[in-house]
Amino acid sequence: MFGIGAPELVLILIIALVIFGPSKLPQIGASLGKGIRDFKSAMAEIDAPAPPAAPAAPVAPVATVAATAPVATVAAAAPVLSPTPDATQSTSAPTQAVPTPQA
């Protein structure tokens, strides 16, 4: 794989034993193994195709009351208000037209 044989591997383990000591070596090995396992699972998760999305539920058309109710029912539901007697007549003084400037 990397060209590391048994003698090279033994040399690396002896150097690690001298540097870290016999008490820390099992903790380092466990941490290294967990890191490699997490990396592999993350790579498998990225490479896996995404699951198909669930189909959306069909949407029913929204109906309005005016579109579905008979005309007589709508007319009865909305009373007609008559305008006040002075609503169409203005009691203020008439306004004068402003002359527009000519170019």
PDB file of N, CA and C in Angstrom:
ATOM      1  N   MET A   1       0.830  -1.189   0.000  1.00  0.00           N
ATOM      2  CA  MET A   1       0.000   0.000   0.000  1.00  0.00           C
ATOM      3  C   MET A   1       0.870   1.247   0.000  1.00  0.00           C
ATOM      4  N   PHE A   2       1.635   1.456   1.071  1.00  0.00           N
ATOM      5  CA  PHE A   2       2.539   2.582   1.138  1.00  0.00           C
ATOM      6  C   PHE A   2       3.997   2.142   1.058  1.00  0.00           C
ATOM      7  N   GLY A   3       4.238   0.863   0.853  1.00  0.00           N
ATOM      8  CA  GLY A   3       5.588   0.362   0.821  1.00  0.00           C
ATOM      9  C   GLY A   3       6.160   0.173   2.224  1.00  0.00           C
ATOM     10  N   ILE A   4       5.275   0.102   3.222  1.00  0.00           N
ATOM     11  CA  ILE A   4       5.735  -0.092   4.601  1.00  0.00           C
ATOM     12  C   ILE A   4       5.640  -1.583   4.917  1.00  0.00           C
ATOM     13  N   GLY A   5       6.745  -2.184   5.182  1.00  0.00           N
ATOM     14  CA  GLY A   5       6.773  -3.602   5.534  1.00  0.00           C
ATOM     15  C   GLY A   5       6.776  -3.771   7.048  1.00  0.00           C
ATOM     16  N   ALA A   6       6.973  -4.993   7.489  1.00  0.00           N
ATOM     17  CA  ALA A   6       6.977  -5.307   8.919  1.00  0.00           C
ATOM     18  C   ALA A   6       8.113  -4.606   9.664  1.00  0.00           C
ATOM     19  N   PRO A   7       9.349  -4.559   9.113  1.00  0.00           N
ATOM     20  CA  PRO A   7      10.425  -3.875   9.860  1.00  0.00           C
ATOM     21  C   PRO A   7      10.157  -2.378  10.039  1.00  0.00           C
ATOM     22  N   GLU A   8       9.613  -1.729   9.014  1.00  0.00           N
ATOM     23  CA  GLU A   8       9.323  -0.306   9.118  1.00  0.00           C
ATOM     24  C   GLU A   8       8.226  -0.050  10.142  1.00  0.00           C
ATOM     25  N   LEU A   9       7.195  -0.913  10.154  1.00  0.00           N
ATOM     26  CA  LEU A   9       6.081  -0.764  11.085  1.00  0.00           C
ATOM     27  C   LEU A   9       6.545  -0.947  12.528  1.00  0.00           C
ATOM     28  N   VAL A  10       7.412  -1.920  12.766  1.00  0.00           N
ATOM     29  CA  VAL A  10       7.962  -2.137  14.109  1.00  0.00           C
ATOM     30  C   VAL A  10       8.782  -0.931  14.545  1.00  0.00           C
ATOM     31  N   LEU A  11       9.575  -0.353  13.639  1.00  0.00           N
ATOM     32  CA  LEU A  11      10.369   0.827  13.964  1.00  0.00           C
ATOM     33  C   LEU A  11       9.472   2.009  14.334  1.00  0.00           C
ATOM     34  N   ILE A  12       8.386   2.231  13.587  1.00  0.00           N
ATOM     35  CA  ILE A  12       7.446   3.323  13.884  1.00  0.00           C
ATOM     36  C   ILE A  12       6.802   3.109  15.254  1.00  0.00           C
ATOM     37  N   LEU A  13       6.410   1.865  15.574  1.00  0.00           N
ATOM     38  CA  LEU A  13       5.785   1.583  16.869  1.00  0.00           C
ATOM     39  C   LEU A  13       6.777   1.792  18.023  1.00  0.00           C
ATOM     40  N   ILE A  14       8.041   1.444  17.853  1.00  0.00           N
ATOM     41  CA  ILE A  14       9.060   1.651  18.901  1.00  0.00           C
ATOM     42  C   ILE A  14       9.281   3.136  19.133  1.00  0.00           C
ATOM     43  N   ILE A  15       9.350   3.920  18.067  1.00  0.00           N
ATOM     44  CA  ILE A  15       9.528   5.379  18.200  1.00  0.00           C
ATOM     45  C   ILE A  15       8.321   5.990  18.914  1.00  0.00           C
ATOM     46  N   ALA A  16       7.102   5.548  18.550  1.00  0.00           N
ATOM     47  CA  ALA A  16       5.899   6.058  19.212  1.00  0.00           C
ATOM     48  C   ALA A  16       5.882   5.677  20.678  1.00  0.00           C
ATOM     49  N   LEU A  17       6.341   4.474  21.027  1.00  0.00           N
ATOM     50  CA  LEU A  17       6.398   4.021  22.418  1.00  0.00           C
ATOM     51  C   LEU A  17       7.372   4.860  23.223  1.00  0.00           C
ATOM     52  N   VAL A  18       8.507   5.214  22.623  1.00  0.00           N
ATOM     53  CA  VAL A  18       9.503   6.036  23.320  1.00  0.00           C
ATOM     54  C   VAL A  18       8.978   7.452  23.526  1.00  0.00           C
ATOM     55  N   ILE A  19       8.333   8.018  22.498  1.00  0.00           N
ATOM     56  CA  ILE A  19       7.868   9.413  22.570  1.00  0.00           C
ATOM     57  C   ILE A  19       6.682   9.548  23.532  1.00  0.00           C
ATOM     58  N   PHE A  20       5.654   8.725  23.377  1.00  0.00           N
ATOM     59  CA  PHE A  20       4.422   8.905  24.141  1.00  0.00           C
ATOM     60  C   PHE A  20       4.368   8.084  25.427  1.00  0.00           C
ATOM     61  N   GLY A  21       5.077   7.015  25.527  1.00  0.00           N
ATOM     62  CA  GLY A  21       5.064   6.188  26.730  1.00  0.00           C
ATOM     63  C   GLY A  21       3.989   5.125  26.651  1.00  0.00           C
ATOM     64  N   PRO A  22       4.114   4.099  27.496  1.00  0.00           N
ATOM     65  CA  PRO A  22       3.177   2.976  27.429  1.00  0.00           C
ATOM     66  C   PRO A  22       1.758   3.313  27.902  1.00  0.00           C
ATOM     67  N   SER A  23       1.586   4.368  28.687  1.00  0.00           N
ATOM     68  CA  SER A  23       0.237   4.692  29.184  1.00  0.00           C
ATOM     69  C   SER A  23      -0.602   5.446  28.150  1.00  0.00           C
ATOM     70  N   LYS A  24       0.020   6.242  27.320  1.00  0.00           N
ATOM     71  CA  LYS A  24      -0.720   7.037  26.329  1.00  0.00           C
ATOM     72  C   LYS A  24      -0.931   6.303  25.014  1.00  0.00           C
ATOM     73  N   LEU A  25      -0.175   5.296  24.723  1.00  0.00           N
ATOM     74  CA  LEU A  25      -0.250   4.605  23.432  1.00  0.00           C
ATOM     75  C   LEU A  25      -1.637   3.997  23.159  1.00  0.00           C
ATOM     76  N   PRO A  26      -2.317   3.339  24.119  1.00  0.00           N
ATOM     77  CA  PRO A  26      -3.655   2.817  23.843  1.00  0.00           C
ATOM     78  C   PRO A  26      -4.675   3.920  23.556  1.00  0.00           C
ATOM     79  N   GLN A  27      -4.558   5.056  24.258  1.00  0.00           N
ATOM     80  CA  GLN A  27      -5.489   6.175  24.018  1.00  0.00           C
ATOM     81  C   GLN A  27      -5.288   6.763  22.617  1.00  0.00           C
ATOM     82  N   ILE A  28      -4.041   6.877  22.206  1.00  0.00           N
ATOM     83  CA  ILE A  28      -3.750   7.405  20.868  1.00  0.00           C
ATOM     84  C   ILE A  28      -4.277   6.455  19.803  1.00  0.00           C
ATOM     85  N   GLY A  29      -4.098   5.152  20.005  1.00  0.00           N
ATOM     86  CA  GLY A  29      -4.603   4.166  19.041  1.00  0.00           C
ATOM     87  C   GLY A  29      -6.116   4.187  18.941  1.00  0.00           C
ATOM     88  N   ALA A  30      -6.802   4.326  20.093  1.00  0.00           N
ATOM     89  CA  ALA A  30      -8.264   4.383  20.073  1.00  0.00           C
ATOM     90  C   ALA A  30      -8.757   5.640  19.372  1.00  0.00           C
ATOM     91  N   SER A  31      -8.110   6.768  19.646  1.00  0.00           N
ATOM     92  CA  SER A  31      -8.494   8.022  18.990  1.00  0.00           C
ATOM     93  C   SER A  31      -8.251   7.963  17.487  1.00  0.00           C
ATOM     94  N   LEU A  32      -7.129   7.382  17.103  1.00  0.00           N
ATOM     95  CA  LEU A  32      -6.816   7.252  15.681  1.00  0.00           C
ATOM     96  C   LEU A  32      -7.821   6.339  14.983  1.00  0.00           C
ATOM     97  N   GLY A  33      -8.180   5.226  15.625  1.00  0.00           N
ATOM     98  CA  GLY A  33      -9.167   4.311  15.047  1.00  0.00           C
ATOM     99  C   GLY A  33     -10.538   4.947  14.910  1.00  0.00           C
ATOM    100  N   LYS A  34     -10.943   5.712  15.937  1.00  0.00           N
ATOM    101  CA  LYS A  34     -12.245   6.386  15.876  1.00  0.00           C
ATOM    102  C   LYS A  34     -12.258   7.438  14.767  1.00  0.00           C
ATOM    103  N   GLY A  35     -11.169   8.163  14.627  1.00  0.00           N
ATOM    104  CA  GLY A  35     -11.088   9.180  13.572  1.00  0.00           C
ATOM    105  C   GLY A  35     -11.173   8.572  12.186  1.00  0.00           C
ATOM    106  N   ILE A  36     -10.480   7.449  11.983  1.00  0.00           N
ATOM    107  CA  ILE A  36     -10.536   6.777  10.677  1.00  0.00           C
ATOM    108  C   ILE A  36     -11.945   6.248  10.407  1.00  0.00           C
ATOM    109  N   ARG A  37     -12.592   5.685  11.434  1.00  0.00           N
ATOM    110  CA  ARG A  37     -13.955   5.155  11.279  1.00  0.00           C
ATOM    111  C   ARG A  37     -14.945   6.280  10.936  1.00  0.00           C
ATOM    112  N   ASP A  38     -14.848   7.418  11.626  1.00  0.00           N
ATOM    113  CA  ASP A  38     -15.727   8.551  11.333  1.00  0.00           C
ATOM    114  C   ASP A  38     -15.494   9.084   9.923  1.00  0.00           C
ATOM    115  N   PHE A  39     -14.237   9.126   9.510  1.00  0.00           N
ATOM    116  CA  PHE A  39     -13.917   9.600   8.165  1.00  0.00           C
ATOM    117  C   PHE A  39     -14.529   8.690   7.109  1.00  0.00           C
ATOM    118  N   LYS A  40     -14.416   7.371   7.320  1.00  0.00           N
ATOM    119  CA  LYS A  40     -14.990   6.420   6.353  1.00  0.00           C
ATOM    120  C   LYS A  40     -16.501   6.541   6.282  1.00  0.00           C
ATOM    121  N   SER A  41     -17.151   6.693   7.434  1.00  0.00           N
ATOM    122  CA  SER A  41     -18.618   6.806   7.419  1.00  0.00           C
ATOM    123  C   SER A  41     -19.061   8.108   6.761  1.00  0.00           C
ATOM    124  N   ALA A  42     -18.302   9.185   6.964  1.00  0.00           N
ATOM    125  CA  ALA A  42     -18.643  10.456   6.319  1.00  0.00           C
ATOM    126  C   ALA A  42     -18.468  10.364   4.807  1.00  0.00           C
ATOM    127  N   MET A  43     -17.410   9.689   4.361  1.00  0.00           N
ATOM    128  CA  MET A  43     -17.194   9.526   2.921  1.00  0.00           C
ATOM    129  C   MET A  43     -18.274   8.646   2.297  1.00  0.00           C
ATOM    130  N   ALA A  44     -18.690   7.606   3.012  1.00  0.00           N
ATOM    131  CA  ALA A  44     -19.765   6.746   2.497  1.00  0.00           C
ATOM    132  C   ALA A  44     -21.074   7.512   2.426  1.00  0.00           C
ATOM    133  N   GLU A  45     -21.296   8.415   3.366  1.00  0.00           N
ATOM    134  CA  GLU A  45     -22.518   9.218   3.374  1.00  0.00           C
ATOM    135  C   GLU A  45     -22.540  10.190   2.205  1.00  0.00           C
ATOM    136  N   ILE A  46     -21.381  10.741   1.868  1.00  0.00           N
ATOM    137  CA  ILE A  46     -21.295  11.676   0.742  1.00  0.00           C
ATOM    138  C   ILE A  46     -21.478  10.935  -0.576  1.00  0.00           C
ATOM    139  N   ASP A  47     -20.880   9.744  -0.699  1.00  0.00           N
ATOM    140  CA  ASP A  47     -20.944   8.986  -1.943  1.00  0.00           C
ATOM    141  C   ASP A  47     -22.305   8.345  -2.177  1.00  0.00           C
ATOM    142  N   ALA A  48     -23.077   8.111  -1.125  1.00  0.00           N
ATOM    143  CA  ALA A  48     -24.380   7.463  -1.277  1.00  0.00           C
ATOM    144  C   ALA A  48     -25.344   8.414  -1.982  1.00  0.00           C
ATOM    145  N   PRO A  49     -26.169   7.880  -2.892  1.00  0.00           N
ATOM    146  CA  PRO A  49     -27.141   8.756  -3.557  1.00  0.00           C
ATOM    147  C   PRO A  49     -28.201   9.206  -2.563  1.00  0.00           C
ATOM    148  N   ALA A  50     -28.722  10.377  -2.795  1.00  0.00           N
ATOM    149  CA  ALA A  50     -29.744  10.930  -1.913  1.00  0.00           C
ATOM    150  C   ALA A  50     -31.030  10.126  -2.059  1.00  0.00           C
ATOM    151  N   PRO A  51     -31.742   9.901  -0.964  1.00  0.00           N
ATOM    152  CA  PRO A  51     -33.000   9.160  -1.064  1.00  0.00           C
ATOM    153  C   PRO A  51     -34.022   9.984  -1.846  1.00  0.00           C
ATOM    154  N   PRO A  52     -34.915   9.319  -2.575  1.00  0.00           N
ATOM    155  CA  PRO A  52     -35.895  10.079  -3.355  1.00  0.00           C
ATOM    156  C   PRO A  52     -36.815  10.868  -2.426  1.00  0.00           C
ATOM    157  N   ALA A  53     -37.162  12.039  -2.874  1.00  0.00           N
ATOM    158  CA  ALA A  53     -38.032  12.899  -2.078  1.00  0.00           C
ATOM    159  C   ALA A  53     -39.445  12.343  -2.089  1.00  0.00           C
ATOM    160  N   ALA A  54     -40.136  12.527  -0.989  1.00  0.00           N
ATOM    161  CA  ALA A  54     -41.519  12.075  -0.888  1.00  0.00           C
ATOM    162  C   ALA A  54     -42.382  12.932  -1.814  1.00  0.00           C
ATOM    163  N   PRO A  55     -43.323  12.322  -2.525  1.00  0.00           N
ATOM    164  CA  PRO A  55     -44.167  13.129  -3.416  1.00  0.00           C
ATOM    165  C   PRO A  55     -45.046  14.065  -2.599  1.00  0.00           C
ATOM    166  N   ALA A  56     -45.224  15.240  -3.130  1.00  0.00           N
ATOM    167  CA  ALA A  56     -46.041  16.234  -2.446  1.00  0.00           C
ATOM    168  C   ALA A  56     -47.512  15.859  -2.553  1.00  0.00           C
ATOM    169  N   ALA A  57     -48.253  16.173  -1.527  1.00  0.00           N
ATOM    170  CA  ALA A  57     -49.684  15.900  -1.527  1.00  0.00           C
ATOM    171  C   ALA A  57     -50.361  16.820  -2.537  1.00  0.00           C
ATOM    172  N   PRO A  58     -51.351  16.318  -3.275  1.00  0.00           N
ATOM    173  CA  PRO A  58     -52.027  17.189  -4.240  1.00  0.00           C
ATOM    174  C   PRO A  58     -52.766  18.309  -3.519  1.00  0.00           C
ATOM    175  N   VAL A  59     -52.728  19.471  -4.115  1.00  0.00           N
ATOM    176  CA  VAL A  59     -53.345  20.643  -3.522  1.00  0.00           C
ATOM    177  C   VAL A  59     -54.731  20.829  -4.135  1.00  0.00           C
ATOM    178  N   ALA A  60     -55.733  20.905  -3.281  1.00  0.00           N
ATOM    179  CA  ALA A  60     -57.099  21.124  -3.748  1.00  0.00           C
ATOM    180  C   ALA A  60     -57.256  22.585  -4.142  1.00  0.00           C
ATOM    181  N   PRO A  61     -58.010  22.860  -5.205  1.00  0.00           N
ATOM    182  CA  PRO A  61     -58.211  24.253  -5.599  1.00  0.00           C
ATOM    183  C   PRO A  61     -59.010  24.998  -4.540  1.00  0.00           C
ATOM    184  N   VAL A  62     -58.652  26.246  -4.325  1.00  0.00           N
ATOM    185  CA  VAL A  62     -59.327  27.062  -3.335  1.00  0.00           C
ATOM    186  C   VAL A  62     -60.517  27.737  -4.003  1.00  0.00           C
ATOM    187  N   ALA A  63     -61.686  27.533  -3.441  1.00  0.00           N
ATOM    188  CA  ALA A  63     -62.898  28.134  -3.994  1.00  0.00           C
ATOM    189  C   ALA A  63     -63.316  29.302  -3.120  1.00  0.00           C
ATOM    190  N   THR A  64     -63.784  30.362  -3.748  1.00  0.00           N
ATOM    191  CA  THR A  64     -64.267  31.510  -2.994  1.00  0.00           C
ATOM    192  C   THR A  64     -65.765  31.385  -2.796  1.00  0.00           C
ATOM    193  N   VAL A  65     -66.286  32.087  -1.834  1.00  0.00           N
ATOM    194  CA  VAL A  65     -67.719  32.019  -1.538  1.00  0.00           C
ATOM    195  C   VAL A  65     -68.512  32.596  -2.697  1.00  0.00           C
ATOM    196  N   ALA A  66     -68.040  33.671  -3.289  1.00  0.00           N
ATOM    197  CA  ALA A  66     -68.779  34.311  -4.373  1.00  0.00           C
ATOM    198  C   ALA A  66     -68.836  33.416  -5.608  1.00  0.00           C
ATOM    199  N   ALA A  67     -67.818  32.612  -5.830  1.00  0.00           N
ATOM    200  CA  ALA A  67     -67.785  31.771  -7.016  1.00  0.00           C
ATOM    201  C   ALA A  67     -68.677  30.545  -6.870  1.00  0.00           C
ATOM    202  N   THR A  68     -68.899  30.075  -5.656  1.00  0.00           N
ATOM    203  CA  THR A  68     -69.667  28.855  -5.471  1.00  0.00           C
ATOM    204  C   THR A  68     -71.090  29.104  -4.992  1.00  0.00           C
ATOM    205  N   ALA A  69     -71.363  30.249  -4.390  1.00  0.00           N
ATOM    206  CA  ALA A  69     -72.692  30.508  -3.843  1.00  0.00           C
ATOM    207  C   ALA A  69     -73.596  31.094  -4.930  1.00  0.00           C
ATOM    208  N   PRO A  70     -74.892  30.823  -4.862  1.00  0.00           N
ATOM    209  CA  PRO A  70     -75.812  31.436  -5.820  1.00  0.00           C
ATOM    210  C   PRO A  70     -75.835  32.954  -5.646  1.00  0.00           C
ATOM    211  N   VAL A  71     -76.222  33.647  -6.684  1.00  0.00           N
ATOM    212  CA  VAL A  71     -76.213  35.108  -6.671  1.00  0.00           C
ATOM    213  C   VAL A  71     -77.174  35.657  -5.630  1.00  0.00           C
ATOM    214  N   ALA A  72     -78.316  35.048  -5.462  1.00  0.00           N
ATOM    215  CA  ALA A  72     -79.288  35.535  -4.493  1.00  0.00           C
ATOM    216  C   ALA A  72     -78.723  35.437  -3.077  1.00  0.00           C
ATOM    217  N   THR A  73     -77.982  34.407  -2.786  1.00  0.00           N
ATOM    218  CA  THR A  73     -77.409  34.237  -1.451  1.00  0.00           C
ATOM    219  C   THR A  73     -76.341  35.293  -1.191  1.00  0.00           C
ATOM    220  N   VAL A  74     -75.522  35.588  -2.204  1.00  0.00           N
ATOM    221  CA  VAL A  74     -74.491  36.597  -2.044  1.00  0.00           C
ATOM    222  C   VAL A  74     -75.128  37.962  -1.875  1.00  0.00           C
ATOM    223  N   ALA A  75     -76.168  38.266  -2.630  1.00  0.00           N
ATOM    224  CA  ALA A  75     -76.840  39.555  -2.521  1.00  0.00           C
ATOM    225  C   ALA A  75     -77.508  39.702  -1.162  1.00  0.00           C
ATOM    226  N   ALA A  76     -78.052  38.622  -0.631  1.00  0.00           N
ATOM    227  CA  ALA A  76     -78.696  38.695   0.664  1.00  0.00           C
ATOM    228  C   ALA A  76     -77.660  38.825   1.777  1.00  0.00           C
ATOM    229  N   ALA A  77     -76.471  38.290   1.581  1.00  0.00           N
ATOM    230  CA  ALA A  77     -75.447  38.344   2.609  1.00  0.00           C
ATOM    231  C   ALA A  77     -74.810  39.725   2.700  1.00  0.00           C
ATOM    232  N   ALA A  78     -74.780  40.466   1.607  1.00  0.00           N
ATOM    233  CA  ALA A  78     -74.172  41.790   1.608  1.00  0.00           C
ATOM    234  C   ALA A  78     -75.255  42.840   1.379  1.00  0.00           C
ATOM    235  N   PRO A  79     -75.717  43.512   2.432  1.00  0.00           N
ATOM    236  CA  PRO A  79     -76.772  44.516   2.247  1.00  0.00           C
ATOM    237  C   PRO A  79     -76.239  45.709   1.457  1.00  0.00           C
ATOM    238  N   VAL A  80     -77.094  46.289   0.683  1.00  0.00           N
ATOM    239  CA  VAL A  80     -76.732  47.434  -0.143  1.00  0.00           C
ATOM    240  C   VAL A  80     -76.929  48.691   0.689  1.00  0.00           C
ATOM    241  N   LEU A  81     -75.900  49.496   0.774  1.00  0.00           N
ATOM    242  CA  LEU A  81     -75.976  50.743   1.530  1.00  0.00           C
ATOM    243  C   LEU A  81     -76.186  51.893   0.561  1.00  0.00           C
ATOM    244  N   SER A  82     -77.150  52.704   0.861  1.00  0.00           N
ATOM    245  CA  SER A  82     -77.398  53.853  -0.013  1.00  0.00           C
ATOM    246  C   SER A  82     -76.502  54.998   0.421  1.00  0.00           C
ATOM    247  N   PRO A  83     -76.079  55.825  -0.531  1.00  0.00           N
ATOM    248  CA  PRO A  83     -75.224  56.948  -0.177  1.00  0.00           C
ATOM    249  C   PRO A  83     -76.000  57.989   0.621  1.00  0.00           C
ATOM    250  N   THR A  84     -75.283  58.744   1.411  1.00  0.00           N
ATOM    251  CA  THR A  84     -75.930  59.819   2.154  1.00  0.00           C
ATOM    252  C   THR A  84     -76.386  60.885   1.172  1.00  0.00           C
ATOM    253  N   PRO A  85     -77.395  61.664   1.521  1.00  0.00           N
ATOM    254  CA  PRO A  85     -77.935  62.643   0.558  1.00  0.00           C
ATOM    255  C   PRO A  85     -76.904  63.649   0.068  1.00  0.00           C
ATOM    256  N   ASP A  86     -75.951  64.049   0.885  1.00  0.00           N
ATOM    257  CA  ASP A  86     -74.979  65.054   0.473  1.00  0.00           C
ATOM    258  C   ASP A  86     -73.648  64.441   0.042  1.00  0.00           C
ATOM    259  N   ALA A  87     -73.591  63.151  -0.144  1.00  0.00           N
ATOM    260  CA  ALA A  87     -72.328  62.512  -0.485  1.00  0.00           C
ATOM    261  C   ALA A  87     -71.866  62.874  -1.885  1.00  0.00           C
ATOM    262  N   THR A  88     -72.817  63.137  -2.785  1.00  0.00           N
ATOM    263  CA  THR A  88     -72.425  63.471  -4.158  1.00  0.00           C
ATOM    264  C   THR A  88     -72.280  64.967  -4.359  1.00  0.00           C
ATOM    265  N   GLN A  89     -72.792  65.778  -3.445  1.00  0.00           N
ATOM    266  CA  GLN A  89     -72.698  67.228  -3.586  1.00  0.00           C
ATOM    267  C   GLN A  89     -71.647  67.758  -2.620  1.00  0.00           C
ATOM    268  N   SER A  90     -70.852  68.664  -3.103  1.00  0.00           N
ATOM    269  CA  SER A  90     -69.814  69.264  -2.278  1.00  0.00           C
ATOM    270  C   SER A  90     -70.343  70.544  -1.677  1.00  0.00           C
ATOM    271  N   THR A  91     -70.141  70.735  -0.377  1.00  0.00           N
ATOM    272  CA  THR A  91     -70.603  71.952   0.282  1.00  0.00           C
ATOM    273  C   THR A  91     -69.536  73.022   0.299  1.00  0.00           C
ATOM    274  N   SER A  92     -68.318  72.713  -0.114  1.00  0.00           N
ATOM    275  CA  SER A  92     -67.251  73.708  -0.102  1.00  0.00           C
ATOM    276  C   SER A  92     -67.330  74.548  -1.364  1.00  0.00           C
ATOM    277  N   ALA A  93     -66.609  75.624  -1.351  1.00  0.00           N
ATOM    278  CA  ALA A  93     -66.606  76.544  -2.490  1.00  0.00           C
ATOM    279  C   ALA A  93     -65.978  75.849  -3.686  1.00  0.00           C
ATOM    280  N   PRO A  94     -66.472  76.148  -4.878  1.00  0.00           N
ATOM    281  CA  PRO A  94     -65.896  75.522  -6.068  1.00  0.00           C
ATOM    282  C   PRO A  94     -64.439  75.964  -6.250  1.00  0.00           C
ATOM    283  N   THR A  95     -63.645  75.043  -6.718  1.00  0.00           N
ATOM    284  CA  THR A  95     -62.238  75.352  -6.943  1.00  0.00           C
ATOM    285  C   THR A  95     -62.059  75.908  -8.337  1.00  0.00           C
ATOM    286  N   GLN A  96     -61.113  76.786  -8.478  1.00  0.00           N
ATOM    287  CA  GLN A  96     -60.849  77.382  -9.777  1.00  0.00           C
ATOM    288  C   GLN A  96     -59.739  76.603 -10.444  1.00  0.00           C
ATOM    289  N   ALA A  97     -59.810  76.515 -11.762  1.00  0.00           N
ATOM    290  CA  ALA A  97     -58.783  75.817 -12.526  1.00  0.00           C
ATOM    291  C   ALA A  97     -57.515  76.646 -12.532  1.00  0.00           C
ATOM    292  N   VAL A  98     -56.399  75.983 -12.368  1.00  0.00           N
ATOM    293  CA  VAL A  98     -55.093  76.642 -12.381  1.00  0.00           C
ATOM    294  C   VAL A  98     -54.598  76.653 -13.825  1.00  0.00           C
ATOM    295  N   PRO A  99     -54.258  77.836 -14.305  1.00  0.00           N
ATOM    296  CA  PRO A  99     -53.771  77.886 -15.697  1.00  0.00           C
ATOM    297  C   PRO A  99     -52.415  77.171 -15.810  1.00  0.00           C
ATOM    298  N   THR A 100     -52.251  76.409 -16.888  1.00  0.00           N
ATOM    299  CA  THR A 100     -51.010  75.696 -17.103  1.00  0.00           C
ATOM    300  C   THR A 100     -50.061  76.561 -17.915  1.00  0.00           C
ATOM    301  N   PRO A 101     -48.798  76.554 -17.567  1.00  0.00           N
ATOM    302  CA  PRO A 101     -47.842  77.375 -18.340  1.00  0.00           C
ATOM    303  C   PRO A 101     -47.619  76.745 -19.725  1.00  0.00           C
ATOM    304  N   GLN A 102     -47.506  77.609 -20.695  1.00  0.00           N
ATOM    305  CA  GLN A 102     -47.283  77.123 -22.066  1.00  0.00           C
ATOM    306  C   GLN A 102     -45.827  77.344 -22.433  1.00  0.00           C
ATOM    307  N   ALA A 103     -45.293  76.399 -23.124  1.00  0.00           N
ATOM    308  CA  ALA A 103     -43.881  76.464 -23.479  1.00  0.00           C
ATOM    309  C   ALA A 103     -43.642  77.233 -24.746  1.00  0.00           C
TER     310      ALA A 103
END
